[in-house]
Protein backbone atom coordinates (compact mmCIF):
# COMPACT_ATOMS: atom_id res chain seq x y z
CA MET A 1 0.35 0.14 -0.10
CA THR A 2 1.32 3.25 -0.97
CA LYS A 3 1.74 6.30 2.17
CA ALA A 4 -0.42 9.02 1.18
CA LYS A 5 0.91 12.01 1.95
CA LYS A 6 -0.65 14.08 4.52
CA SER A 7 1.54 17.12 3.13
CA LEU A 8 -0.61 16.96 0.44
CA GLY A 9 -4.23 16.80 1.40
CA GLN A 10 -3.75 12.48 0.36
CA ASN A 11 -6.92 10.18 0.89
CA PHE A 12 -7.36 7.48 -1.41
CA LEU A 13 -10.75 6.65 -1.99
CA ILE A 14 -10.29 2.21 -2.09
CA ASP A 15 -14.04 1.55 -1.64
CA GLN A 16 -15.23 -0.37 -4.37
CA ASN A 17 -19.15 0.42 -4.42
CA PHE A 18 -18.84 4.26 -4.15
CA ILE A 19 -16.26 4.59 -6.99
CA LYS A 20 -18.09 2.38 -9.16
CA LYS A 21 -20.93 4.96 -8.15
CA ILE A 22 -19.26 8.19 -9.03
CA VAL A 23 -17.81 6.56 -12.54
CA ASN A 24 -22.02 5.46 -13.05
CA LEU A 25 -23.05 8.74 -12.66
CA VAL A 26 -21.85 10.25 -16.54
CA ASP A 27 -21.63 9.02 -19.78
CA ILE A 28 -18.21 9.22 -20.63
CA LYS A 29 -17.51 6.84 -23.95
CA ASP A 30 -15.59 8.72 -26.14
CA LYS A 31 -15.58 11.47 -24.16
CA GLU A 32 -12.47 13.43 -23.17
CA VAL A 33 -12.20 12.91 -19.07
CA LEU A 34 -9.32 15.11 -16.92
CA GLU A 35 -8.61 13.30 -13.60
CA VAL A 36 -7.85 15.61 -11.05
CA GLY A 37 -5.62 14.12 -8.39
CA PRO A 38 -5.51 9.92 -9.29
CA GLY A 39 -3.33 9.01 -6.78
CA THR A 40 -2.64 5.06 -7.20
CA GLY A 41 -5.53 5.06 -9.76
CA ASN A 42 -8.64 3.36 -8.40
CA LEU A 43 -10.50 6.06 -9.72
CA THR A 44 -8.96 5.93 -13.00
CA PHE A 45 -8.80 2.05 -13.88
CA GLU A 46 -12.30 1.82 -13.44
CA ILE A 47 -13.51 5.30 -15.93
CA LEU A 48 -10.86 3.61 -18.88
CA LYS A 49 -13.73 0.68 -18.70
CA LYS A 50 -16.42 3.44 -19.33
CA ASN A 51 -13.86 3.82 -23.27
CA PRO A 52 -13.50 7.40 -22.71
CA LYS A 53 -12.13 9.07 -26.16
CA LYS A 54 -9.42 10.02 -23.98
CA ILE A 55 -8.35 10.09 -20.19
CA TYR A 56 -5.79 13.07 -18.77
CA LEU A 57 -4.44 12.95 -15.21
CA ILE A 58 -2.86 15.96 -13.16
CA GLU A 59 -0.96 13.86 -10.17
CA LYS A 60 1.61 16.36 -8.49
CA ASP A 61 3.37 13.87 -6.11
CA SER A 62 6.44 12.53 -8.30
CA LYS A 63 6.40 8.79 -6.54
CA LEU A 64 2.24 8.66 -7.24
CA SER A 65 2.99 9.72 -11.08
CA ARG A 66 5.87 6.95 -11.11
CA ILE A 67 2.86 4.44 -10.15
CA LEU A 68 0.82 5.91 -12.82
CA ASN A 69 2.73 5.32 -15.71
CA ASP A 70 3.85 1.74 -14.45
CA ARG A 71 -0.43 1.02 -14.13
CA PHE A 72 -1.79 2.81 -17.04
CA GLY A 73 1.39 3.59 -19.29
CA ASN A 74 0.16 4.48 -22.69
CA LYS A 75 -3.72 4.65 -22.28
CA VAL A 76 -3.87 7.78 -19.92
CA ALA A 77 -2.12 11.48 -20.79
CA LEU A 78 -0.10 12.09 -17.59
CA PHE A 79 1.19 15.39 -16.22
CA ASN A 80 3.47 15.49 -12.87
CA ASP A 81 2.06 18.90 -11.95
CA ASP A 82 0.34 21.17 -9.86
CA ILE A 83 -3.32 21.71 -10.46
CA LEU A 84 -3.18 25.40 -8.52
CA ASN A 85 -0.53 26.14 -11.51
CA PHE A 86 -2.31 24.36 -14.95
CA ASN A 87 -3.24 25.61 -17.35
CA GLU A 88 -6.48 23.05 -18.19
CA LYS A 89 -7.78 24.73 -21.27
CA SER A 90 -4.64 23.65 -23.24
CA LEU A 91 -5.54 19.91 -23.16
CA SER A 92 -8.39 20.35 -25.55
CA ARG A 93 -10.40 22.22 -27.82
CA ASN A 94 -13.19 19.76 -26.57
CA GLN A 95 -15.33 20.44 -23.04
CA ILE A 96 -14.29 17.77 -20.74
CA THR A 97 -15.82 16.59 -17.88
CA VAL A 98 -13.70 16.48 -14.63
CA PHE A 99 -13.57 13.91 -12.15
CA GLY A 100 -11.55 14.93 -8.61
CA ASN A 101 -11.04 13.70 -5.37
CA LEU A 102 -9.61 16.86 -5.12
CA PRO A 103 -6.96 17.07 -1.51
CA TYR A 104 -8.52 18.23 1.50
CA ASN A 105 -5.86 21.02 2.32
CA ILE A 106 -6.30 22.98 -1.30
CA SER A 107 -10.19 21.58 -2.50
CA THR A 108 -11.70 25.32 -2.43
CA GLU A 109 -8.81 27.01 -3.72
CA ILE A 110 -8.93 24.47 -6.95
CA LEU A 111 -12.65 24.90 -7.23
CA SER A 112 -12.12 29.45 -7.17
CA LYS A 113 -9.77 29.45 -9.54
CA TRP A 114 -11.86 26.87 -12.53
CA ILE A 115 -14.71 29.66 -11.93
CA ILE A 116 -12.58 32.79 -11.21
CA ASN A 117 -10.66 31.87 -15.29
CA LEU A 118 -13.77 30.80 -16.87
CA ASN A 119 -14.53 32.85 -20.02
CA ASN A 120 -17.85 34.70 -20.06
CA GLN A 121 -18.53 32.95 -23.82
CA TYR A 122 -17.01 29.48 -23.36
CA CYS A 123 -16.27 27.34 -20.70
CA TRP A 124 -13.34 24.21 -21.12
CA PHE A 125 -15.78 21.62 -18.90
CA ASN A 126 -19.08 20.60 -19.20
CA GLN A 127 -19.01 18.76 -16.38
CA LEU A 128 -17.34 18.27 -13.20
CA ILE A 129 -17.78 14.99 -10.25
CA LEU A 130 -15.92 16.85 -7.00
CA MET A 131 -15.76 14.90 -3.74
CA PHE A 132 -14.95 17.51 -1.30
CA GLN A 133 -14.75 17.32 2.89
CA LYS A 134 -18.71 17.12 3.77
CA GLU A 135 -18.24 20.04 5.72
CA VAL A 136 -16.45 21.94 2.54
CA ALA A 137 -19.47 20.60 0.57
CA ASP A 138 -22.33 22.14 3.04
CA ARG A 139 -21.02 25.87 2.39
CA ILE A 140 -20.72 24.84 -1.20
CA ILE A 141 -24.20 24.36 -1.69
CA ALA A 142 -25.98 26.30 1.07
CA ASN A 143 -28.59 28.78 0.46
CA PHE A 144 -28.38 32.36 2.02
CA ASN A 145 -30.20 32.21 5.05
CA THR A 146 -28.35 29.82 6.25
CA SER A 147 -25.05 29.43 8.56
CA ALA A 148 -22.92 27.67 6.39
CA TYR A 149 -24.24 30.35 3.52
CA GLY A 150 -21.01 32.92 2.47
CA ARG A 151 -17.80 33.53 0.03
CA LEU A 152 -17.99 29.72 -1.37
CA ALA A 153 -21.84 29.11 -2.18
CA ILE A 154 -21.84 32.85 -3.59
CA LEU A 155 -19.34 32.27 -5.85
CA THR A 156 -20.06 28.79 -7.12
CA ASN A 157 -23.67 29.87 -7.39
CA TRP A 158 -22.70 32.58 -9.79
CA ARG A 159 -21.46 29.98 -12.71
CA LEU A 160 -22.75 26.42 -11.45
CA LYS A 161 -25.48 24.54 -10.81
CA VAL A 162 -24.42 22.21 -8.19
CA LYS A 163 -26.27 19.45 -6.65
CA LYS A 164 -25.10 16.87 -4.15
CA ILE A 165 -25.01 12.83 -4.70
CA CYS A 166 -23.82 11.30 -1.55
CA ASP A 167 -21.30 11.24 1.63
CA ILE A 168 -18.95 9.32 1.77
CA PRO A 169 -17.79 7.72 5.74
CA PRO A 170 -14.11 7.47 6.85
CA LYS A 171 -14.02 4.05 6.59
CA CYS A 172 -13.61 4.58 2.38
CA PHE A 173 -10.29 5.55 2.64
CA SER A 174 -6.55 5.19 3.07
CA PRO A 175 -5.90 6.61 5.41
CA ARG A 176 -8.99 7.93 7.21
CA PRO A 177 -10.20 11.10 7.44
CA LYS A 178 -11.26 12.16 10.47
CA VAL A 179 -14.31 13.33 8.37
CA ASP A 180 -17.09 12.73 6.10
CA SER A 181 -16.63 13.66 2.31
CA SER A 182 -18.77 14.42 0.29
CA VAL A 183 -19.01 14.39 -3.78
CA LEU A 184 -20.73 17.15 -5.41
CA TYR A 185 -22.27 17.07 -9.14
CA PHE A 186 -21.60 20.59 -11.48
CA LEU A 187 -23.23 22.21 -15.12
CA PRO A 188 -22.16 24.90 -16.13
CA LYS A 189 -25.24 27.95 -16.76
CA ASN A 190 -25.53 28.91 -19.57
CA ASN A 191 -27.47 32.33 -18.05
CA PHE A 192 -25.37 33.82 -15.12
CA VAL A 193 -25.05 37.75 -14.22
CA GLN A 194 -22.40 39.54 -16.34
CA ILE A 195 -19.66 40.49 -14.25
CA LYS A 196 -16.61 42.18 -16.04
CA ASP A 197 -13.76 40.46 -13.25
CA PRO A 198 -14.72 37.68 -10.97
CA LYS A 199 -11.97 38.86 -8.80
CA ASN A 200 -14.61 41.92 -7.94
CA LEU A 201 -17.10 39.05 -6.98
CA GLU A 202 -14.52 38.02 -4.30
CA THR A 203 -13.66 40.96 -2.68
CA ILE A 204 -16.78 42.32 -2.43
CA SER A 205 -18.36 38.87 -0.26
CA ARG A 206 -14.96 38.61 1.09
CA ILE A 207 -15.51 42.06 2.88
CA PHE A 208 -19.40 41.28 3.68
CA PHE A 209 -18.33 38.23 5.06
CA ASN A 210 -15.31 39.67 7.14
CA HIS A 211 -17.57 40.38 9.85
CA ARG A 212 -20.41 37.55 8.96
CA ARG A 213 -22.06 38.16 12.38
CA LYS A 214 -22.47 42.07 12.06
CA MET A 215 -24.72 44.39 9.92
CA LEU A 216 -24.08 45.64 6.89
CA LYS A 217 -24.20 48.72 6.93
CA LYS A 218 -20.12 49.28 7.71
CA PRO A 219 -19.28 46.70 4.63
CA PHE A 220 -21.77 48.57 2.56
CA ASN A 221 -20.20 51.95 4.10
CA HIS A 222 -16.40 50.77 3.53
CA LEU A 223 -17.06 49.72 -0.56
CA PHE A 224 -19.71 52.06 -1.39
CA ASN A 225 -19.19 55.33 1.08
CA GLY A 226 -23.08 54.27 1.59
CA ASP A 227 -24.58 55.50 -1.98
CA GLN A 228 -28.31 55.42 -0.68
CA LYS A 229 -28.84 54.61 -4.50
CA ILE A 230 -27.74 51.60 -4.62
CA LEU A 231 -29.96 50.83 -1.51
CA ASP A 232 -32.45 51.74 -2.34
CA LYS A 233 -32.05 50.36 -6.26
CA LEU A 234 -31.04 47.05 -4.98
CA LYS A 235 -33.50 47.34 -2.15
CA ILE A 236 -30.76 46.25 0.67
CA ASP A 237 -31.41 46.74 4.81
CA LEU A 238 -28.31 47.74 6.12
CA ASN A 239 -30.07 45.71 9.59
CA LEU A 240 -29.56 42.90 7.67
CA ARG A 241 -26.29 40.20 8.03
CA PRO A 242 -24.29 39.25 5.08
CA GLN A 243 -25.92 35.92 4.86
CA ASN A 244 -29.50 37.58 4.28
CA LEU A 245 -28.44 38.71 1.34
CA ASP A 246 -29.66 36.47 -1.75
CA PHE A 247 -26.68 35.58 -4.45
CA ASP A 248 -28.30 37.84 -6.90
CA THR A 249 -27.85 40.52 -4.87
CA TYR A 250 -24.37 39.92 -4.27
CA TYR A 251 -23.92 39.82 -7.81
CA GLU A 252 -25.53 43.39 -8.66
CA LEU A 253 -23.65 44.79 -6.15
CA THR A 254 -20.16 43.81 -7.51
CA ARG A 255 -22.04 44.83 -10.52
CA GLU A 256 -22.22 48.39 -9.15
CA TYR A 257 -19.19 47.84 -8.28
CA GLU A 258 -17.08 47.80 -11.22
CA LYS A 259 -19.49 50.79 -12.00
CA LEU A 260 -17.82 53.19 -9.56
CA ARG A 261 -14.49 51.50 -10.36
CA ASN A 262 -14.69 52.86 -13.54
């Protein structure tokens, strides 16, 4: 058994029932597939059984990359690289289906990177099937007026439709994590609020949620200098808290912010 590296957030999924459930979620016959963090290749093995047109693997760990190369050879296109520095758009001109048991310590960074770098006209992936710590997954799928709602849900909902598939207990992994994991399924949205620079959405949500238990007045004044016209236009009550504003209000606030900066 290959020893997982804690520093890379590695937990290998070893339960065959869950592996098959994940791979069977979508039809990948003759499609291009990217797997992020394939580890020892347990999921890769099942993906190959589905006869994809091509499968790309991105694995940061050099030792695991050698294991994957020995196991699959020219059946896969293997990149020993850091996903946070990798240009996924360079892989293909076609849309790609992405699978990933994402490293726990950088899972939110990976998802955020993919959303922020999306082109307004074109999305390089057609679907994502990703695994997160359950607590992180709960934040991704959270709705407003809930305690888990925040920056991650706002950013995700802007460009992606997301649905929870299942929870996976620690016993299904090696080594066993201390928490449950969750599999989420994402689809790109065709219709979404046009924002010039997604980093502005990050800025807005970060400043509002820096003090999530406090009222909206302070962050709003910081960003918009108390502009009453924006409050009236978006019907915002400054006595509310950040979690009480719905998704669209944050997107419209970002558009107003971009107007001010121009």
